[in-house]
Protein backbone atom coordinates (compact mmCIF):
# COMPACT_ATOMS: atom_id res chain seq x y z
CA MET A 1 148.22 99.57 69.82
CA ARG A 2 149.70 98.84 73.37
CA GLY A 3 152.57 101.23 73.11
CA LYS A 4 150.37 103.89 72.06
CA PHE A 5 148.36 103.12 75.53
CA VAL A 6 151.35 103.04 77.69
CA LEU A 7 153.02 106.42 75.94
CA THR A 8 149.08 108.19 75.61
CA ALA A 9 149.02 106.46 80.22
CA PHE A 10 152.41 107.97 80.43
CA VAL A 11 151.42 111.72 78.79
CA VAL A 12 148.20 111.87 80.79
CA PHE A 13 149.98 111.16 84.37
CA GLY A 14 152.36 113.25 83.21
CA PHE A 15 150.42 115.94 83.64
CA VAL A 16 147.89 114.84 86.40
CA LEU A 17 151.46 115.45 88.26
CA ALA A 18 152.51 119.13 86.94
CA GLY A 19 148.99 120.11 87.89
CA CYS A 20 149.93 118.97 91.49
CA ASN A 21 151.61 121.63 93.54
CA THR A 22 152.49 118.97 95.85
CA VAL A 23 152.13 115.57 97.56
CA ALA A 24 149.05 117.43 99.67
CA GLY A 25 147.51 118.23 96.35
CA MET A 26 148.67 115.00 94.58
CA GLY A 27 146.82 112.55 97.62
CA LYS A 28 143.25 115.21 96.80
CA ASP A 29 143.26 114.60 93.51
CA VAL A 30 143.78 111.15 93.71
CA SER A 31 141.01 111.16 96.63
CA ARG A 32 138.75 113.22 93.59
CA ALA A 33 139.57 110.77 91.01
CA GLY A 34 137.85 108.48 93.37
CA ASN A 35 135.06 109.83 94.29
CA ALA A 36 134.09 111.40 91.31
CA ILE A 37 134.67 107.00 90.08
CA THR A 38 132.68 105.84 93.06
CA ASN A 39 130.20 108.20 93.03
CA ALA A 40 129.27 106.86 89.13
CA ALA A 41 129.43 103.60 90.80
CA ASP A 42 126.94 104.19 92.40
CA LYS A 43 124.56 105.83 89.44
């Protein structure tokens, strides 16, 4: 079970990194994800 989770996390992380063209782009993506989590928590 844990092995599947780790594998899935690596695959998702790989797709996220592939979608970011630059370090700045990755920073923006991480910032947006953080904002989405914060906004969801505020509701």
